[in-house]
Amino acid sequence: MKRGILVILAGVAVMVSGIVFYLQGNSIVGPTYSFMYSNPKWIVNGPLIAIGGILILVAGLGISLQRLRS
């Protein structure tokens, strides 16, 4: 069960990071001196990172559910 929870937490952290990167790319959040601030590259990269986080989160949920069944 611990492994599943750790994977879920990692997925949430990656997903939140992707959302923050997207918001920084759109000049909504973050310090203005950041290399991501108002950078169109991060408008694309942020959602891709967030999707990766969602996939990790789903994998963690699968691990947790598999352990509950056995």
PDB file of N, CA and C in Angstrom:
ATOM      1  N   MET A   1       0.829  -1.193   0.000  1.00  0.00           N
ATOM      2  CA  MET A   1       0.000   0.000   0.000  1.00  0.00           C
ATOM      3  C   MET A   1       0.873   1.256   0.000  1.00  0.00           C
ATOM      4  N   LYS A   2       2.006   1.217   0.669  1.00  0.00           N
ATOM      5  CA  LYS A   2       2.872   2.390   0.725  1.00  0.00           C
ATOM      6  C   LYS A   2       3.386   2.767  -0.657  1.00  0.00           C
ATOM      7  N   ARG A   3       3.709   1.769  -1.466  1.00  0.00           N
ATOM      8  CA  ARG A   3       4.240   2.048  -2.798  1.00  0.00           C
ATOM      9  C   ARG A   3       3.200   2.775  -3.643  1.00  0.00           C
ATOM     10  N   GLY A   4       1.958   2.341  -3.566  1.00  0.00           N
ATOM     11  CA  GLY A   4       0.885   2.983  -4.319  1.00  0.00           C
ATOM     12  C   GLY A   4       0.682   4.428  -3.900  1.00  0.00           C
ATOM     13  N   ILE A   5       0.735   4.666  -2.603  1.00  0.00           N
ATOM     14  CA  ILE A   5       0.559   6.028  -2.097  1.00  0.00           C
ATOM     15  C   ILE A   5       1.709   6.917  -2.541  1.00  0.00           C
ATOM     16  N   LEU A   6       2.917   6.393  -2.524  1.00  0.00           N
ATOM     17  CA  LEU A   6       4.064   7.183  -2.974  1.00  0.00           C
ATOM     18  C   LEU A   6       3.954   7.529  -4.461  1.00  0.00           C
ATOM     19  N   VAL A   7       3.497   6.589  -5.252  1.00  0.00           N
ATOM     20  CA  VAL A   7       3.332   6.848  -6.690  1.00  0.00           C
ATOM     21  C   VAL A   7       2.215   7.868  -6.910  1.00  0.00           C
ATOM     22  N   ILE A   8       1.139   7.763  -6.146  1.00  0.00           N
ATOM     23  CA  ILE A   8       0.052   8.740  -6.247  1.00  0.00           C
ATOM     24  C   ILE A   8       0.555  10.138  -5.894  1.00  0.00           C
ATOM     25  N   LEU A   9       1.299  10.256  -4.814  1.00  0.00           N
ATOM     26  CA  LEU A   9       1.830  11.561  -4.411  1.00  0.00           C
ATOM     27  C   LEU A   9       2.788  12.125  -5.452  1.00  0.00           C
ATOM     28  N   ALA A  10       3.599  11.268  -6.041  1.00  0.00           N
ATOM     29  CA  ALA A  10       4.502  11.721  -7.096  1.00  0.00           C
ATOM     30  C   ALA A  10       3.700  12.217  -8.301  1.00  0.00           C
ATOM     31  N   GLY A  11       2.640  11.515  -8.657  1.00  0.00           N
ATOM     32  CA  GLY A  11       1.794  11.930  -9.765  1.00  0.00           C
ATOM     33  C   GLY A  11       1.133  13.271  -9.515  1.00  0.00           C
ATOM     34  N   VAL A  12       0.665  13.481  -8.300  1.00  0.00           N
ATOM     35  CA  VAL A  12       0.048  14.762  -7.944  1.00  0.00           C
ATOM     36  C   VAL A  12       1.082  15.887  -8.029  1.00  0.00           C
ATOM     37  N   ALA A  13       2.294  15.625  -7.532  1.00  0.00           N
ATOM     38  CA  ALA A  13       3.350  16.643  -7.570  1.00  0.00           C
ATOM     39  C   ALA A  13       3.711  17.012  -9.013  1.00  0.00           C
ATOM     40  N   VAL A  14       3.823  16.026  -9.876  1.00  0.00           N
ATOM     41  CA  VAL A  14       4.154  16.290 -11.284  1.00  0.00           C
ATOM     42  C   VAL A  14       3.006  17.032 -11.962  1.00  0.00           C
ATOM     43  N   MET A  15       1.780  16.648 -11.657  1.00  0.00           N
ATOM     44  CA  MET A  15       0.620  17.301 -12.258  1.00  0.00           C
ATOM     45  C   MET A  15       0.543  18.775 -11.838  1.00  0.00           C
ATOM     46  N   VAL A  16       0.719  19.034 -10.563  1.00  0.00           N
ATOM     47  CA  VAL A  16       0.684  20.416 -10.065  1.00  0.00           C
ATOM     48  C   VAL A  16       1.824  21.228 -10.680  1.00  0.00           C
ATOM     49  N   SER A  17       2.993  20.626 -10.803  1.00  0.00           N
ATOM     50  CA  SER A  17       4.115  21.325 -11.429  1.00  0.00           C
ATOM     51  C   SER A  17       3.783  21.705 -12.865  1.00  0.00           C
ATOM     52  N   GLY A  18       3.174  20.811 -13.608  1.00  0.00           N
ATOM     53  CA  GLY A  18       2.788  21.103 -14.980  1.00  0.00           C
ATOM     54  C   GLY A  18       1.793  22.252 -15.067  1.00  0.00           C
ATOM     55  N   ILE A  19       0.862  22.290 -14.139  1.00  0.00           N
ATOM     56  CA  ILE A  19      -0.118  23.377 -14.112  1.00  0.00           C
ATOM     57  C   ILE A  19       0.568  24.706 -13.816  1.00  0.00           C
ATOM     58  N   VAL A  20       1.485  24.701 -12.854  1.00  0.00           N
ATOM     59  CA  VAL A  20       2.225  25.923 -12.520  1.00  0.00           C
ATOM     60  C   VAL A  20       3.077  26.377 -13.707  1.00  0.00           C
ATOM     61  N   PHE A  21       3.722  25.443 -14.390  1.00  0.00           N
ATOM     62  CA  PHE A  21       4.535  25.797 -15.559  1.00  0.00           C
ATOM     63  C   PHE A  21       3.669  26.434 -16.640  1.00  0.00           C
ATOM     64  N   TYR A  22       2.473  25.881 -16.854  1.00  0.00           N
ATOM     65  CA  TYR A  22       1.549  26.447 -17.835  1.00  0.00           C
ATOM     66  C   TYR A  22       1.165  27.877 -17.446  1.00  0.00           C
ATOM     67  N   LEU A  23       0.833  28.070 -16.169  1.00  0.00           N
ATOM     68  CA  LEU A  23       0.446  29.398 -15.711  1.00  0.00           C
ATOM     69  C   LEU A  23       1.605  30.396 -15.801  1.00  0.00           C
ATOM     70  N   GLN A  24       2.820  29.937 -15.544  1.00  0.00           N
ATOM     71  CA  GLN A  24       3.977  30.810 -15.708  1.00  0.00           C
ATOM     72  C   GLN A  24       4.179  31.169 -17.177  1.00  0.00           C
ATOM     73  N   GLY A  25       3.984  30.235 -18.059  1.00  0.00           N
ATOM     74  CA  GLY A  25       4.118  30.514 -19.485  1.00  0.00           C
ATOM     75  C   GLY A  25       3.115  31.547 -19.968  1.00  0.00           C
ATOM     76  N   ASN A  26       1.958  31.578 -19.320  1.00  0.00           N
ATOM     77  CA  ASN A  26       0.921  32.549 -19.661  1.00  0.00           C
ATOM     78  C   ASN A  26       1.029  33.836 -18.852  1.00  0.00           C
ATOM     79  N   SER A  27       2.077  34.016 -18.093  1.00  0.00           N
ATOM     80  CA  SER A  27       2.321  35.229 -17.287  1.00  0.00           C
ATOM     81  C   SER A  27       1.259  35.437 -16.211  1.00  0.00           C
ATOM     82  N   ILE A  28       0.734  34.360 -15.666  1.00  0.00           N
ATOM     83  CA  ILE A  28      -0.295  34.467 -14.635  1.00  0.00           C
ATOM     84  C   ILE A  28       0.312  34.311 -13.245  1.00  0.00           C
ATOM     85  N   VAL A  29       1.301  33.442 -13.107  1.00  0.00           N
ATOM     86  CA  VAL A  29       1.892  33.118 -11.815  1.00  0.00           C
ATOM     87  C   VAL A  29       3.405  33.196 -11.935  1.00  0.00           C
ATOM     88  N   GLY A  30       4.039  33.493 -10.834  1.00  0.00           N
ATOM     89  CA  GLY A  30       5.489  33.383 -10.784  1.00  0.00           C
ATOM     90  C   GLY A  30       6.217  34.716 -10.862  1.00  0.00           C
ATOM     91  N   PRO A  31       7.472  34.659 -10.533  1.00  0.00           N
ATOM     92  CA  PRO A  31       8.277  35.888 -10.601  1.00  0.00           C
ATOM     93  C   PRO A  31       8.566  36.257 -12.055  1.00  0.00           C
ATOM     94  N   THR A  32       8.633  37.528 -12.321  1.00  0.00           N
ATOM     95  CA  THR A  32       8.845  37.995 -13.692  1.00  0.00           C
ATOM     96  C   THR A  32      10.241  37.695 -14.199  1.00  0.00           C
ATOM     97  N   TYR A  33      11.180  37.416 -13.299  1.00  0.00           N
ATOM     98  CA  TYR A  33      12.554  37.124 -13.724  1.00  0.00           C
ATOM     99  C   TYR A  33      12.766  35.643 -14.055  1.00  0.00           C
ATOM    100  N   SER A  34      11.739  34.814 -13.909  1.00  0.00           N
ATOM    101  CA  SER A  34      11.855  33.393 -14.227  1.00  0.00           C
ATOM    102  C   SER A  34      11.972  33.198 -15.737  1.00  0.00           C
ATOM    103  N   PHE A  35      12.778  32.236 -16.141  1.00  0.00           N
ATOM    104  CA  PHE A  35      12.919  31.954 -17.570  1.00  0.00           C
ATOM    105  C   PHE A  35      11.642  31.372 -18.165  1.00  0.00           C
ATOM    106  N   MET A  36      10.722  30.893 -17.337  1.00  0.00           N
ATOM    107  CA  MET A  36       9.458  30.340 -17.830  1.00  0.00           C
ATOM    108  C   MET A  36       8.390  31.410 -17.978  1.00  0.00           C
ATOM    109  N   TYR A  37       8.570  32.545 -17.325  1.00  0.00           N
ATOM    110  CA  TYR A  37       7.558  33.591 -17.318  1.00  0.00           C
ATOM    111  C   TYR A  37       7.385  34.165 -18.723  1.00  0.00           C
ATOM    112  N   SER A  38       6.157  34.146 -19.192  1.00  0.00           N
ATOM    113  CA  SER A  38       5.799  34.678 -20.504  1.00  0.00           C
ATOM    114  C   SER A  38       6.593  34.024 -21.635  1.00  0.00           C
ATOM    115  N   ASN A  39       6.823  32.718 -21.496  1.00  0.00           N
ATOM    116  CA  ASN A  39       7.560  31.963 -22.493  1.00  0.00           C
ATOM    117  C   ASN A  39       6.589  30.979 -23.156  1.00  0.00           C
ATOM    118  N   PRO A  40       6.312  31.145 -24.453  1.00  0.00           N
ATOM    119  CA  PRO A  40       5.325  30.283 -25.125  1.00  0.00           C
ATOM    120  C   PRO A  40       5.677  28.799 -25.099  1.00  0.00           C
ATOM    121  N   LYS A  41       6.947  28.488 -24.958  1.00  0.00           N
ATOM    122  CA  LYS A  41       7.342  27.080 -24.900  1.00  0.00           C
ATOM    123  C   LYS A  41       6.695  26.379 -23.697  1.00  0.00           C
ATOM    124  N   TRP A  42       6.566  27.087 -22.591  1.00  0.00           N
ATOM    125  CA  TRP A  42       5.997  26.489 -21.381  1.00  0.00           C
ATOM    126  C   TRP A  42       4.483  26.418 -21.421  1.00  0.00           C
ATOM    127  N   ILE A  43       3.869  27.163 -22.352  1.00  0.00           N
ATOM    128  CA  ILE A  43       2.425  27.023 -22.550  1.00  0.00           C
ATOM    129  C   ILE A  43       2.129  25.646 -23.138  1.00  0.00           C
ATOM    130  N   VAL A  44       3.070  25.106 -23.905  1.00  0.00           N
ATOM    131  CA  VAL A  44       2.927  23.766 -24.486  1.00  0.00           C
ATOM    132  C   VAL A  44       3.449  22.704 -23.528  1.00  0.00           C
ATOM    133  N   ASN A  45       4.619  22.959 -22.929  1.00  0.00           N
ATOM    134  CA  ASN A  45       5.243  21.955 -22.055  1.00  0.00           C
ATOM    135  C   ASN A  45       4.439  21.702 -20.781  1.00  0.00           C
ATOM    136  N   GLY A  46       3.844  22.738 -20.212  1.00  0.00           N
ATOM    137  CA  GLY A  46       3.100  22.596 -18.956  1.00  0.00           C
ATOM    138  C   GLY A  46       1.996  21.557 -19.021  1.00  0.00           C
ATOM    139  N   PRO A  47       1.088  21.641 -19.998  1.00  0.00           N
ATOM    140  CA  PRO A  47       0.033  20.628 -20.070  1.00  0.00           C
ATOM    141  C   PRO A  47       0.570  19.218 -20.344  1.00  0.00           C
ATOM    142  N   LEU A  48       1.648  19.115 -21.120  1.00  0.00           N
ATOM    143  CA  LEU A  48       2.227  17.786 -21.361  1.00  0.00           C
ATOM    144  C   LEU A  48       2.767  17.186 -20.063  1.00  0.00           C
ATOM    145  N   ILE A  49       3.400  18.009 -19.261  1.00  0.00           N
ATOM    146  CA  ILE A  49       3.901  17.545 -17.960  1.00  0.00           C
ATOM    147  C   ILE A  49       2.736  17.176 -17.052  1.00  0.00           C
ATOM    148  N   ALA A  50       1.678  17.986 -17.062  1.00  0.00           N
ATOM    149  CA  ALA A  50       0.497  17.690 -16.242  1.00  0.00           C
ATOM    150  C   ALA A  50      -0.152  16.369 -16.663  1.00  0.00           C
ATOM    151  N   ILE A  51      -0.218  16.107 -17.958  1.00  0.00           N
ATOM    152  CA  ILE A  51      -0.769  14.836 -18.441  1.00  0.00           C
ATOM    153  C   ILE A  51       0.100  13.671 -17.970  1.00  0.00           C
ATOM    154  N   GLY A  52       1.416  13.858 -18.006  1.00  0.00           N
ATOM    155  CA  GLY A  52       2.317  12.833 -17.474  1.00  0.00           C
ATOM    156  C   GLY A  52       2.039  12.568 -16.001  1.00  0.00           C
ATOM    157  N   GLY A  53       1.784  13.626 -15.245  1.00  0.00           N
ATOM    158  CA  GLY A  53       1.447  13.479 -13.833  1.00  0.00           C
ATOM    159  C   GLY A  53       0.149  12.713 -13.631  1.00  0.00           C
ATOM    160  N   ILE A  54      -0.819  12.974 -14.489  1.00  0.00           N
ATOM    161  CA  ILE A  54      -2.093  12.247 -14.403  1.00  0.00           C
ATOM    162  C   ILE A  54      -1.875  10.761 -14.680  1.00  0.00           C
ATOM    163  N   LEU A  55      -1.027  10.454 -15.658  1.00  0.00           N
ATOM    164  CA  LEU A  55      -0.737   9.048 -15.960  1.00  0.00           C
ATOM    165  C   LEU A  55      -0.047   8.363 -14.778  1.00  0.00           C
ATOM    166  N   ILE A  56       0.880   9.059 -14.140  1.00  0.00           N
ATOM    167  CA  ILE A  56       1.544   8.501 -12.955  1.00  0.00           C
ATOM    168  C   ILE A  56       0.531   8.309 -11.836  1.00  0.00           C
ATOM    169  N   LEU A  57      -0.363   9.270 -11.667  1.00  0.00           N
ATOM    170  CA  LEU A  57      -1.412   9.179 -10.651  1.00  0.00           C
ATOM    171  C   LEU A  57      -2.303   7.961 -10.892  1.00  0.00           C
ATOM    172  N   VAL A  58      -2.698   7.749 -12.122  1.00  0.00           N
ATOM    173  CA  VAL A  58      -3.541   6.592 -12.458  1.00  0.00           C
ATOM    174  C   VAL A  58      -2.786   5.291 -12.195  1.00  0.00           C
ATOM    175  N   ALA A  59      -1.503   5.268 -12.508  1.00  0.00           N
ATOM    176  CA  ALA A  59      -0.702   4.069 -12.224  1.00  0.00           C
ATOM    177  C   ALA A  59      -0.662   3.797 -10.720  1.00  0.00           C
ATOM    178  N   GLY A  60      -0.512   4.844  -9.934  1.00  0.00           N
ATOM    179  CA  GLY A  60      -0.516   4.684  -8.477  1.00  0.00           C
ATOM    180  C   GLY A  60      -1.842   4.179  -7.956  1.00  0.00           C
ATOM    181  N   LEU A  61      -2.926   4.672  -8.533  1.00  0.00           N
ATOM    182  CA  LEU A  61      -4.246   4.171  -8.136  1.00  0.00           C
ATOM    183  C   LEU A  61      -4.399   2.700  -8.504  1.00  0.00           C
ATOM    184  N   GLY A  62      -3.878   2.323  -9.667  1.00  0.00           N
ATOM    185  CA  GLY A  62      -3.915   0.914 -10.075  1.00  0.00           C
ATOM    186  C   GLY A  62      -3.137   0.026  -9.124  1.00  0.00           C
ATOM    187  N   ILE A  63      -1.969   0.498  -8.716  1.00  0.00           N
ATOM    188  CA  ILE A  63      -1.155  -0.274  -7.755  1.00  0.00           C
ATOM    189  C   ILE A  63      -1.908  -0.433  -6.446  1.00  0.00           C
ATOM    190  N   SER A  64      -2.512   0.666  -5.974  1.00  0.00           N
ATOM    191  CA  SER A  64      -3.239   0.606  -4.699  1.00  0.00           C
ATOM    192  C   SER A  64      -4.444  -0.331  -4.780  1.00  0.00           C
ATOM    193  N   LEU A  65      -5.183  -0.252  -5.869  1.00  0.00           N
ATOM    194  CA  LEU A  65      -6.362  -1.115  -6.005  1.00  0.00           C
ATOM    195  C   LEU A  65      -5.972  -2.581  -6.162  1.00  0.00           C
ATOM    196  N   GLN A  66      -4.866  -2.834  -6.850  1.00  0.00           N
ATOM    197  CA  GLN A  66      -4.411  -4.200  -7.024  1.00  0.00           C
ATOM    198  C   GLN A  66      -4.025  -4.825  -5.674  1.00  0.00           C
ATOM    199  N   ARG A  67      -3.396  -4.044  -4.823  1.00  0.00           N
ATOM    200  CA  ARG A  67      -3.019  -4.549  -3.514  1.00  0.00           C
ATOM    201  C   ARG A  67      -4.239  -4.773  -2.617  1.00  0.00           C
ATOM    202  N   LEU A  68      -5.265  -3.948  -2.785  1.00  0.00           N
ATOM    203  CA  LEU A  68      -6.485  -4.140  -1.994  1.00  0.00           C
ATOM    204  C   LEU A  68      -7.224  -5.413  -2.381  1.00  0.00           C
ATOM    205  N   ARG A  69      -7.186  -5.764  -3.657  1.00  0.00           N
ATOM    206  CA  ARG A  69      -7.874  -6.956  -4.140  1.00  0.00           C
ATOM    207  C   ARG A  69      -7.214  -8.241  -3.685  1.00  0.00           C
ATOM    208  N   SER A  70      -5.894  -8.205  -3.530  1.00  0.00           N
ATOM    209  CA  SER A  70      -5.198  -9.455  -3.162  1.00  0.00           C
ATOM    210  C   SER A  70      -5.062  -9.639  -1.673  1.00  0.00           C
TER     211      SER A  70
END
